[in-house]
């Protein structure tokens, strides 16, 4: 069984911006039923990953109300500079927000 995370676009954006280096940046693009994460470096595109949108909350701004399911794919696991820091931040957030 694999861990998966349901997060909003705004939460993922915050996490990715905290991981960006001075010469790299992340962009999120919502299109149809997926959100694509694009990682750019000084030479252009480094990598990109798509995650499915699983729920939309009406009457909430799109970046906060659009929830996606983050699951490590074989490709994202290979790109350890992307997945490992992301998973560590998500695990830390989950441990802070557990319900007793």
PDB file of N, CA and C in Angstrom:
ATOM      1  N   UNK A   1       0.844  -1.169   0.000  1.00  0.00           N
ATOM      2  CA  UNK A   1       0.000   0.000   0.000  1.00  0.00           C
ATOM      3  C   UNK A   1       0.898   1.245   0.000  1.00  0.00           C
ATOM      4  N   UNK A   2       0.515   2.218  -0.794  1.00  0.00           N
ATOM      5  CA  UNK A   2       1.269   3.457  -0.880  1.00  0.00           C
ATOM      6  C   UNK A   2       0.532   4.576  -0.168  1.00  0.00           C
ATOM      7  N   UNK A   3       1.306   5.481   0.405  1.00  0.00           N
ATOM      8  CA  UNK A   3       0.709   6.670   0.975  1.00  0.00           C
ATOM      9  C   UNK A   3       0.286   7.588  -0.149  1.00  0.00           C
ATOM     10  N   UNK A   4      -0.826   8.254   0.039  1.00  0.00           N
ATOM     11  CA  UNK A   4      -1.235   9.292  -0.894  1.00  0.00           C
ATOM     12  C   UNK A   4      -1.733  10.467  -0.054  1.00  0.00           C
ATOM     13  N   UNK A   5      -1.768  11.605  -0.666  1.00  0.00           N
ATOM     14  CA  UNK A   5      -2.110  12.828   0.046  1.00  0.00           C
ATOM     15  C   UNK A   5      -3.133  13.597  -0.764  1.00  0.00           C
ATOM     16  N   UNK A   6      -4.152  14.115  -0.108  1.00  0.00           N
ATOM     17  CA  UNK A   6      -5.121  14.977  -0.764  1.00  0.00           C
ATOM     18  C   UNK A   6      -4.852  16.394  -0.285  1.00  0.00           C
ATOM     19  N   UNK A   7      -4.439  17.237  -1.214  1.00  0.00           N
ATOM     20  CA  UNK A   7      -4.080  18.613  -0.865  1.00  0.00           C
ATOM     21  C   UNK A   7      -4.694  19.574  -1.873  1.00  0.00           C
ATOM     22  N   UNK A   8      -4.811  20.815  -1.448  1.00  0.00           N
ATOM     23  CA  UNK A   8      -5.314  21.857  -2.339  1.00  0.00           C
ATOM     24  C   UNK A   8      -4.167  22.393  -3.186  1.00  0.00           C
ATOM     25  N   UNK A   9      -4.540  23.062  -4.247  1.00  0.00           N
ATOM     26  CA  UNK A   9      -3.534  23.692  -5.101  1.00  0.00           C
ATOM     27  C   UNK A   9      -2.707  24.689  -4.295  1.00  0.00           C
ATOM     28  N   UNK A  10      -3.357  25.463  -3.434  1.00  0.00           N
ATOM     29  CA  UNK A  10      -2.622  26.479  -2.661  1.00  0.00           C
ATOM     30  C   UNK A  10      -1.624  25.855  -1.698  1.00  0.00           C
ATOM     31  N   UNK A  11      -1.973  24.746  -1.060  1.00  0.00           N
ATOM     32  CA  UNK A  11      -1.038  24.081  -0.142  1.00  0.00           C
ATOM     33  C   UNK A  11       0.154  23.527  -0.914  1.00  0.00           C
ATOM     34  N   UNK A  12      -0.118  22.873  -2.038  1.00  0.00           N
ATOM     35  CA  UNK A  12       0.984  22.341  -2.841  1.00  0.00           C
ATOM     36  C   UNK A  12       1.880  23.468  -3.336  1.00  0.00           C
ATOM     37  N   UNK A  13       1.289  24.574  -3.744  1.00  0.00           N
ATOM     38  CA  UNK A  13       2.075  25.725  -4.208  1.00  0.00           C
ATOM     39  C   UNK A  13       2.995  26.231  -3.101  1.00  0.00           C
ATOM     40  N   UNK A  14       2.491  26.345  -1.877  1.00  0.00           N
ATOM     41  CA  UNK A  14       3.311  26.787  -0.743  1.00  0.00           C
ATOM     42  C   UNK A  14       4.479  25.846  -0.508  1.00  0.00           C
ATOM     43  N   UNK A  15       4.208  24.555  -0.512  1.00  0.00           N
ATOM     44  CA  UNK A  15       5.260  23.563  -0.273  1.00  0.00           C
ATOM     45  C   UNK A  15       6.320  23.639  -1.363  1.00  0.00           C
ATOM     46  N   UNK A  16       5.886  23.692  -2.609  1.00  0.00           N
ATOM     47  CA  UNK A  16       6.853  23.721  -3.709  1.00  0.00           C
ATOM     48  C   UNK A  16       7.675  25.004  -3.715  1.00  0.00           C
ATOM     49  N   UNK A  17       7.069  26.128  -3.379  1.00  0.00           N
ATOM     50  CA  UNK A  17       7.832  27.380  -3.336  1.00  0.00           C
ATOM     51  C   UNK A  17       8.879  27.347  -2.232  1.00  0.00           C
ATOM     52  N   UNK A  18       8.585  26.655  -1.138  1.00  0.00           N
ATOM     53  CA  UNK A  18       9.578  26.549  -0.071  1.00  0.00           C
ATOM     54  C   UNK A  18      10.745  25.646  -0.482  1.00  0.00           C
ATOM     55  N   UNK A  19      10.521  24.779  -1.480  1.00  0.00           N
ATOM     56  CA  UNK A  19      11.564  23.887  -1.977  1.00  0.00           C
ATOM     57  C   UNK A  19      12.338  24.466  -3.160  1.00  0.00           C
ATOM     58  N   UNK A  20      11.846  25.527  -3.771  1.00  0.00           N
ATOM     59  CA  UNK A  20      12.502  26.114  -4.937  1.00  0.00           C
ATOM     60  C   UNK A  20      13.855  26.699  -4.545  1.00  0.00           C
ATOM     61  N   UNK A  21      14.798  26.541  -5.409  1.00  0.00           N
ATOM     62  CA  UNK A  21      16.143  27.099  -5.215  1.00  0.00           C
ATOM     63  C   UNK A  21      16.207  28.447  -5.938  1.00  0.00           C
ATOM     64  N   UNK A  22      17.251  29.241  -5.679  1.00  0.00           N
ATOM     65  CA  UNK A  22      17.326  30.556  -6.336  1.00  0.00           C
ATOM     66  C   UNK A  22      17.254  30.496  -7.868  1.00  0.00           C
ATOM     67  N   UNK A  23      17.732  29.419  -8.460  1.00  0.00           N
ATOM     68  CA  UNK A  23      17.750  29.344  -9.921  1.00  0.00           C
ATOM     69  C   UNK A  23      16.699  28.380 -10.481  1.00  0.00           C
ATOM     70  N   UNK A  24      15.726  27.985  -9.638  1.00  0.00           N
ATOM     71  CA  UNK A  24      14.655  27.105 -10.109  1.00  0.00           C
ATOM     72  C   UNK A  24      13.310  27.639  -9.628  1.00  0.00           C
ATOM     73  N   UNK A  25      12.245  27.169 -10.294  1.00  0.00           N
ATOM     74  CA  UNK A  25      10.896  27.547  -9.848  1.00  0.00           C
ATOM     75  C   UNK A  25       9.912  26.456 -10.248  1.00  0.00           C
ATOM     76  N   UNK A  26       8.799  26.417  -9.544  1.00  0.00           N
ATOM     77  CA  UNK A  26       7.722  25.486  -9.821  1.00  0.00           C
ATOM     78  C   UNK A  26       6.496  26.268 -10.278  1.00  0.00           C
ATOM     79  N   UNK A  27       5.783  25.726 -11.241  1.00  0.00           N
ATOM     80  CA  UNK A  27       4.533  26.305 -11.707  1.00  0.00           C
ATOM     81  C   UNK A  27       3.475  25.210 -11.667  1.00  0.00           C
ATOM     82  N   UNK A  28       2.274  25.551 -11.196  1.00  0.00           N
ATOM     83  CA  UNK A  28       1.155  24.605 -11.192  1.00  0.00           C
ATOM     84  C   UNK A  28       0.137  25.065 -12.225  1.00  0.00           C
ATOM     85  N   UNK A  29      -0.342  24.108 -13.016  1.00  0.00           N
ATOM     86  CA  UNK A  29      -1.343  24.412 -14.034  1.00  0.00           C
ATOM     87  C   UNK A  29      -2.498  23.430 -13.902  1.00  0.00           C
ATOM     88  N   UNK A  30      -3.682  23.964 -13.613  1.00  0.00           N
ATOM     89  CA  UNK A  30      -4.883  23.131 -13.544  1.00  0.00           C
ATOM     90  C   UNK A  30      -5.539  23.147 -14.912  1.00  0.00           C
ATOM     91  N   UNK A  31      -5.824  21.953 -15.424  1.00  0.00           N
ATOM     92  CA  UNK A  31      -6.464  21.832 -16.729  1.00  0.00           C
ATOM     93  C   UNK A  31      -7.324  20.578 -16.727  1.00  0.00           C
ATOM     94  N   UNK A  32      -8.610  20.756 -16.964  1.00  0.00           N
ATOM     95  CA  UNK A  32      -9.508  19.603 -16.970  1.00  0.00           C
ATOM     96  C   UNK A  32      -9.555  18.953 -15.608  1.00  0.00           C
ATOM     97  N   UNK A  33      -9.193  17.695 -15.558  1.00  0.00           N
ATOM     98  CA  UNK A  33      -9.240  16.940 -14.301  1.00  0.00           C
ATOM     99  C   UNK A  33      -7.858  16.637 -13.735  1.00  0.00           C
ATOM    100  N   UNK A  34      -6.844  17.412 -14.133  1.00  0.00           N
ATOM    101  CA  UNK A  34      -5.492  17.209 -13.602  1.00  0.00           C
ATOM    102  C   UNK A  34      -4.846  18.536 -13.251  1.00  0.00           C
ATOM    103  N   UNK A  35      -3.872  18.442 -12.362  1.00  0.00           N
ATOM    104  CA  UNK A  35      -2.994  19.565 -12.044  1.00  0.00           C
ATOM    105  C   UNK A  35      -1.591  19.104 -12.408  1.00  0.00           C
ATOM    106  N   UNK A  36      -0.920  19.894 -13.225  1.00  0.00           N
ATOM    107  CA  UNK A  36       0.432  19.563 -13.642  1.00  0.00           C
ATOM    108  C   UNK A  36       1.406  20.454 -12.903  1.00  0.00           C
ATOM    109  N   UNK A  37       2.436  19.845 -12.327  1.00  0.00           N
ATOM    110  CA  UNK A  37       3.521  20.554 -11.670  1.00  0.00           C
ATOM    111  C   UNK A  37       4.676  20.595 -12.658  1.00  0.00           C
ATOM    112  N   UNK A  38       5.142  21.800 -12.967  1.00  0.00           N
ATOM    113  CA  UNK A  38       6.256  21.964 -13.901  1.00  0.00           C
ATOM    114  C   UNK A  38       7.411  22.595 -13.132  1.00  0.00           C
ATOM    115  N   UNK A  39       8.580  21.949 -13.227  1.00  0.00           N
ATOM    116  CA  UNK A  39       9.782  22.411 -12.535  1.00  0.00           C
ATOM    117  C   UNK A  39      10.746  22.961 -13.580  1.00  0.00           C
ATOM    118  N   UNK A  40      11.056  24.255 -13.458  1.00  0.00           N
ATOM    119  CA  UNK A  40      11.961  24.924 -14.385  1.00  0.00           C
ATOM    120  C   UNK A  40      13.282  25.228 -13.702  1.00  0.00           C
ATOM    121  N   UNK A  41      14.351  25.131 -14.456  1.00  0.00           N
ATOM    122  CA  UNK A  41      15.681  25.496 -13.985  1.00  0.00           C
ATOM    123  C   UNK A  41      16.285  26.514 -14.918  1.00  0.00           C
ATOM    124  N   UNK A  42      17.571  26.828 -14.732  1.00  0.00           N
ATOM    125  CA  UNK A  42      18.220  27.841 -15.567  1.00  0.00           C
ATOM    126  C   UNK A  42      18.215  27.486 -17.058  1.00  0.00           C
ATOM    127  N   UNK A  43      18.236  26.194 -17.367  1.00  0.00           N
ATOM    128  CA  UNK A  43      18.253  25.762 -18.759  1.00  0.00           C
ATOM    129  C   UNK A  43      16.878  25.452 -19.321  1.00  0.00           C
ATOM    130  N   UNK A  44      15.828  25.703 -18.574  1.00  0.00           N
ATOM    131  CA  UNK A  44      14.475  25.412 -19.033  1.00  0.00           C
ATOM    132  C   UNK A  44      13.813  24.327 -18.199  1.00  0.00           C
ATOM    133  N   UNK A  45      13.010  23.503 -18.861  1.00  0.00           N
ATOM    134  CA  UNK A  45      12.235  22.463 -18.182  1.00  0.00           C
ATOM    135  C   UNK A  45      13.139  21.413 -17.550  1.00  0.00           C
ATOM    136  N   UNK A  46      12.906  21.120 -16.265  1.00  0.00           N
ATOM    137  CA  UNK A  46      13.625  20.051 -15.571  1.00  0.00           C
ATOM    138  C   UNK A  46      12.765  18.805 -15.536  1.00  0.00           C
ATOM    139  N   UNK A  47      11.515  18.963 -15.079  1.00  0.00           N
ATOM    140  CA  UNK A  47      10.605  17.818 -15.010  1.00  0.00           C
ATOM    141  C   UNK A  47       9.178  18.324 -14.874  1.00  0.00           C
ATOM    142  N   UNK A  48       8.229  17.406 -15.104  1.00  0.00           N
ATOM    143  CA  UNK A  48       6.827  17.738 -14.866  1.00  0.00           C
ATOM    144  C   UNK A  48       6.077  16.475 -14.465  1.00  0.00           C
ATOM    145  N   UNK A  49       5.063  16.671 -13.624  1.00  0.00           N
ATOM    146  CA  UNK A  49       4.266  15.577 -13.098  1.00  0.00           C
ATOM    147  C   UNK A  49       2.817  16.019 -13.070  1.00  0.00           C
ATOM    148  N   UNK A  50       1.895  15.092 -13.330  1.00  0.00           N
ATOM    149  CA  UNK A  50       0.468  15.409 -13.309  1.00  0.00           C
ATOM    150  C   UNK A  50      -0.215  14.582 -12.222  1.00  0.00           C
ATOM    151  N   UNK A  51      -1.135  15.220 -11.526  1.00  0.00           N
ATOM    152  CA  UNK A  51      -1.890  14.572 -10.463  1.00  0.00           C
ATOM    153  C   UNK A  51      -3.381  14.808 -10.706  1.00  0.00           C
ATOM    154  N   UNK A  52      -4.229  13.815 -10.412  1.00  0.00           N
ATOM    155  CA  UNK A  52      -5.660  13.977 -10.678  1.00  0.00           C
ATOM    156  C   UNK A  52      -6.347  14.877  -9.655  1.00  0.00           C
ATOM    157  N   UNK A  53      -7.299  15.667 -10.151  1.00  0.00           N
ATOM    158  CA  UNK A  53      -8.172  16.443  -9.277  1.00  0.00           C
ATOM    159  C   UNK A  53      -9.264  15.489  -8.812  1.00  0.00           C
ATOM    160  N   UNK A  54      -9.475  15.414  -7.503  1.00  0.00           N
ATOM    161  CA  UNK A  54     -10.452  14.470  -6.973  1.00  0.00           C
ATOM    162  C   UNK A  54     -11.687  15.145  -6.380  1.00  0.00           C
ATOM    163  N   UNK A  55     -11.593  16.454  -6.111  1.00  0.00           N
ATOM    164  CA  UNK A  55     -12.757  17.128  -5.520  1.00  0.00           C
ATOM    165  C   UNK A  55     -12.609  18.631  -5.708  1.00  0.00           C
ATOM    166  N   UNK A  56     -13.731  19.268  -5.954  1.00  0.00           N
ATOM    167  CA  UNK A  56     -13.773  20.729  -6.029  1.00  0.00           C
ATOM    168  C   UNK A  56     -14.828  21.212  -5.046  1.00  0.00           C
ATOM    169  N   UNK A  57     -14.462  22.180  -4.237  1.00  0.00           N
ATOM    170  CA  UNK A  57     -15.384  22.752  -3.263  1.00  0.00           C
ATOM    171  C   UNK A  57     -15.951  24.034  -3.864  1.00  0.00           C
ATOM    172  N   UNK A  58     -17.261  24.065  -4.038  1.00  0.00           N
ATOM    173  CA  UNK A  58     -17.880  25.266  -4.607  1.00  0.00           C
ATOM    174  C   UNK A  58     -17.847  26.400  -3.592  1.00  0.00           C
ATOM    175  N   UNK A  59     -17.941  27.612  -4.088  1.00  0.00           N
ATOM    176  CA  UNK A  59     -17.951  28.830  -3.264  1.00  0.00           C
ATOM    177  C   UNK A  59     -16.654  29.039  -2.488  1.00  0.00           C
ATOM    178  N   UNK A  60     -15.577  28.399  -2.935  1.00  0.00           N
ATOM    179  CA  UNK A  60     -14.246  28.584  -2.343  1.00  0.00           C
ATOM    180  C   UNK A  60     -13.320  28.925  -3.502  1.00  0.00           C
ATOM    181  N   UNK A  61     -12.383  29.862  -3.321  1.00  0.00           N
ATOM    182  CA  UNK A  61     -11.468  30.182  -4.418  1.00  0.00           C
ATOM    183  C   UNK A  61     -10.830  28.910  -4.995  1.00  0.00           C
ATOM    184  N   UNK A  62     -10.637  28.901  -6.317  1.00  0.00           N
ATOM    185  CA  UNK A  62     -10.178  27.697  -7.010  1.00  0.00           C
ATOM    186  C   UNK A  62      -8.898  27.114  -6.414  1.00  0.00           C
ATOM    187  N   UNK A  63      -7.922  27.973  -6.074  1.00  0.00           N
ATOM    188  CA  UNK A  63      -6.659  27.436  -5.564  1.00  0.00           C
ATOM    189  C   UNK A  63      -6.806  26.783  -4.192  1.00  0.00           C
ATOM    190  N   UNK A  64      -7.800  27.183  -3.427  1.00  0.00           N
ATOM    191  CA  UNK A  64      -8.035  26.574  -2.118  1.00  0.00           C
ATOM    192  C   UNK A  64      -9.051  25.444  -2.182  1.00  0.00           C
ATOM    193  N   UNK A  65      -9.979  25.525  -3.118  1.00  0.00           N
ATOM    194  CA  UNK A  65     -11.064  24.557  -3.174  1.00  0.00           C
ATOM    195  C   UNK A  65     -10.867  23.416  -4.152  1.00  0.00           C
ATOM    196  N   UNK A  66      -9.762  23.432  -4.885  1.00  0.00           N
ATOM    197  CA  UNK A  66      -9.471  22.335  -5.804  1.00  0.00           C
ATOM    198  C   UNK A  66      -8.504  21.393  -5.122  1.00  0.00           C
ATOM    199  N   UNK A  67      -8.967  20.163  -4.868  1.00  0.00           N
ATOM    200  CA  UNK A  67      -8.155  19.184  -4.159  1.00  0.00           C
ATOM    201  C   UNK A  67      -7.657  18.130  -5.132  1.00  0.00           C
ATOM    202  N   UNK A  68      -6.376  17.820  -5.034  1.00  0.00           N
ATOM    203  CA  UNK A  68      -5.791  16.811  -5.905  1.00  0.00           C
ATOM    204  C   UNK A  68      -5.231  15.684  -5.064  1.00  0.00           C
ATOM    205  N   UNK A  69      -5.050  14.549  -5.699  1.00  0.00           N
ATOM    206  CA  UNK A  69      -4.512  13.377  -5.030  1.00  0.00           C
ATOM    207  C   UNK A  69      -3.060  13.205  -5.448  1.00  0.00           C
ATOM    208  N   UNK A  70      -2.166  13.325  -4.476  1.00  0.00           N
ATOM    209  CA  UNK A  70      -0.744  13.154  -4.751  1.00  0.00           C
ATOM    210  C   UNK A  70      -0.347  11.726  -4.399  1.00  0.00           C
ATOM    211  N   UNK A  71       0.056  10.994  -5.393  1.00  0.00           N
ATOM    212  CA  UNK A  71       0.532   9.625  -5.227  1.00  0.00           C
ATOM    213  C   UNK A  71       1.864   9.541  -5.944  1.00  0.00           C
ATOM    214  N   UNK A  72       2.839   8.918  -5.311  1.00  0.00           N
ATOM    215  CA  UNK A  72       4.145   8.769  -5.946  1.00  0.00           C
ATOM    216  C   UNK A  72       4.037   7.811  -7.113  1.00  0.00           C
ATOM    217  N   UNK A  73       4.335   8.324  -8.283  1.00  0.00           N
ATOM    218  CA  UNK A  73       4.399   7.460  -9.455  1.00  0.00           C
ATOM    219  C   UNK A  73       5.825   6.945  -9.586  1.00  0.00           C
ATOM    220  N   UNK A  74       6.022   5.954 -10.422  1.00  0.00           N
ATOM    221  CA  UNK A  74       7.374   5.450 -10.644  1.00  0.00           C
ATOM    222  C   UNK A  74       8.275   6.585 -11.128  1.00  0.00           C
ATOM    223  N   UNK A  75       7.749   7.411 -12.002  1.00  0.00           N
ATOM    224  CA  UNK A  75       8.536   8.520 -12.550  1.00  0.00           C
ATOM    225  C   UNK A  75       8.865   9.558 -11.480  1.00  0.00           C
ATOM    226  N   UNK A  76       7.894   9.918 -10.637  1.00  0.00           N
ATOM    227  CA  UNK A  76       8.172  10.933  -9.616  1.00  0.00           C
ATOM    228  C   UNK A  76       9.114  10.401  -8.543  1.00  0.00           C
ATOM    229  N   UNK A  77       9.061   9.092  -8.263  1.00  0.00           N
ATOM    230  CA  UNK A  77      10.010   8.513  -7.309  1.00  0.00           C
ATOM    231  C   UNK A  77      11.430   8.568  -7.853  1.00  0.00           C
ATOM    232  N   UNK A  78      11.580   8.395  -9.179  1.00  0.00           N
ATOM    233  CA  UNK A  78      12.902   8.482  -9.793  1.00  0.00           C
ATOM    234  C   UNK A  78      13.470   9.887  -9.661  1.00  0.00           C
ATOM    235  N   UNK A  79      12.618  10.878  -9.675  1.00  0.00           N
ATOM    236  CA  UNK A  79      13.031  12.272  -9.549  1.00  0.00           C
ATOM    237  C   UNK A  79      13.035  12.626  -8.059  1.00  0.00           C
ATOM    238  N   UNK A  80      14.025  12.104  -7.330  1.00  0.00           N
ATOM    239  CA  UNK A  80      14.048  12.237  -5.876  1.00  0.00           C
ATOM    240  C   UNK A  80      14.115  13.678  -5.408  1.00  0.00           C
ATOM    241  N   UNK A  81      14.697  14.547  -6.201  1.00  0.00           N
ATOM    242  CA  UNK A  81      14.752  15.951  -5.798  1.00  0.00           C
ATOM    243  C   UNK A  81      13.359  16.571  -5.776  1.00  0.00           C
ATOM    244  N   UNK A  82      12.400  15.925  -6.438  1.00  0.00           N
ATOM    245  CA  UNK A  82      11.017  16.388  -6.398  1.00  0.00           C
ATOM    246  C   UNK A  82      10.230  15.679  -5.309  1.00  0.00           C
ATOM    247  N   UNK A  83      10.181  14.358  -5.355  1.00  0.00           N
ATOM    248  CA  UNK A  83       9.247  13.620  -4.508  1.00  0.00           C
ATOM    249  C   UNK A  83       9.664  13.560  -3.039  1.00  0.00           C
ATOM    250  N   UNK A  84      10.924  13.293  -2.740  1.00  0.00           N
ATOM    251  CA  UNK A  84      11.328  13.129  -1.336  1.00  0.00           C
ATOM    252  C   UNK A  84      11.094  14.383  -0.498  1.00  0.00           C
ATOM    253  N   UNK A  85      11.524  15.566  -0.938  1.00  0.00           N
ATOM    254  CA  UNK A  85      11.220  16.760  -0.124  1.00  0.00           C
ATOM    255  C   UNK A  85       9.715  17.018  -0.006  1.00  0.00           C
ATOM    256  N   UNK A  86       8.983  16.761  -1.083  1.00  0.00           N
ATOM    257  CA  UNK A  86       7.537  16.949  -1.056  1.00  0.00           C
ATOM    258  C   UNK A  86       6.896  16.014  -0.037  1.00  0.00           C
ATOM    259  N   UNK A  87       7.268  14.746  -0.087  1.00  0.00           N
ATOM    260  CA  UNK A  87       6.690  13.781   0.848  1.00  0.00           C
ATOM    261  C   UNK A  87       7.062  14.101   2.291  1.00  0.00           C
ATOM    262  N   UNK A  88       8.296  14.520   2.532  1.00  0.00           N
ATOM    263  CA  UNK A  88       8.702  14.886   3.896  1.00  0.00           C
ATOM    264  C   UNK A  88       7.858  16.041   4.433  1.00  0.00           C
ATOM    265  N   UNK A  89       7.626  17.058   3.603  1.00  0.00           N
ATOM    266  CA  UNK A  89       6.789  18.186   4.037  1.00  0.00           C
ATOM    267  C   UNK A  89       5.346  17.741   4.285  1.00  0.00           C
ATOM    268  N   UNK A  90       4.822  16.882   3.399  1.00  0.00           N
ATOM    269  CA  UNK A  90       3.446  16.407   3.559  1.00  0.00           C
ATOM    270  C   UNK A  90       3.310  15.550   4.816  1.00  0.00           C
ATOM    271  N   UNK A  91       4.280  14.695   5.069  1.00  0.00           N
ATOM    272  CA  UNK A  91       4.238  13.884   6.292  1.00  0.00           C
ATOM    273  C   UNK A  91       4.286  14.761   7.528  1.00  0.00           C
ATOM    274  N   UNK A  92       5.107  15.805   7.481  1.00  0.00           N
ATOM    275  CA  UNK A  92       5.217  16.724   8.610  1.00  0.00           C
ATOM    276  C   UNK A  92       3.889  17.475   8.818  1.00  0.00           C
ATOM    277  N   UNK A  93       3.281  17.933   7.722  1.00  0.00           N
ATOM    278  CA  UNK A  93       1.983  18.617   7.824  1.00  0.00           C
ATOM    279  C   UNK A  93       0.912  17.687   8.394  1.00  0.00           C
ATOM    280  N   UNK A  94       0.918  16.433   7.924  1.00  0.00           N
ATOM    281  CA  UNK A  94      -0.075  15.473   8.412  1.00  0.00           C
ATOM    282  C   UNK A  94       0.099  15.192   9.892  1.00  0.00           C
ATOM    283  N   UNK A  95       1.339  15.106  10.356  1.00  0.00           N
ATOM    284  CA  UNK A  95       1.565  14.819  11.769  1.00  0.00           C
ATOM    285  C   UNK A  95       1.149  15.999  12.636  1.00  0.00           C
ATOM    286  N   UNK A  96       1.230  17.205  12.107  1.00  0.00           N
ATOM    287  CA  UNK A  96       0.795  18.386  12.856  1.00  0.00           C
ATOM    288  C   UNK A  96      -0.715  18.524  12.901  1.00  0.00           C
ATOM    289  N   UNK A  97      -1.405  17.940  11.913  1.00  0.00           N
ATOM    290  CA  UNK A  97      -2.855  18.122  11.786  1.00  0.00           C
ATOM    291  C   UNK A  97      -3.652  16.862  12.102  1.00  0.00           C
ATOM    292  N   UNK A  98      -3.093  15.940  12.856  1.00  0.00           N
ATOM    293  CA  UNK A  98      -3.840  14.734  13.179  1.00  0.00           C
ATOM    294  C   UNK A  98      -4.894  15.019  14.222  1.00  0.00           C
ATOM    295  N   UNK A  99      -5.964  14.297  14.161  1.00  0.00           N
ATOM    296  CA  UNK A  99      -7.069  14.449  15.116  1.00  0.00           C
ATOM    297  C   UNK A  99      -6.952  13.355  16.162  1.00  0.00           C
ATOM    298  N   UNK A 100      -7.020  13.719  17.413  1.00  0.00           N
ATOM    299  CA  UNK A 100      -6.900  12.727  18.494  1.00  0.00           C
ATOM    300  C   UNK A 100      -8.202  12.003  18.710  1.00  0.00           C
TER     301      UNK A 100
END
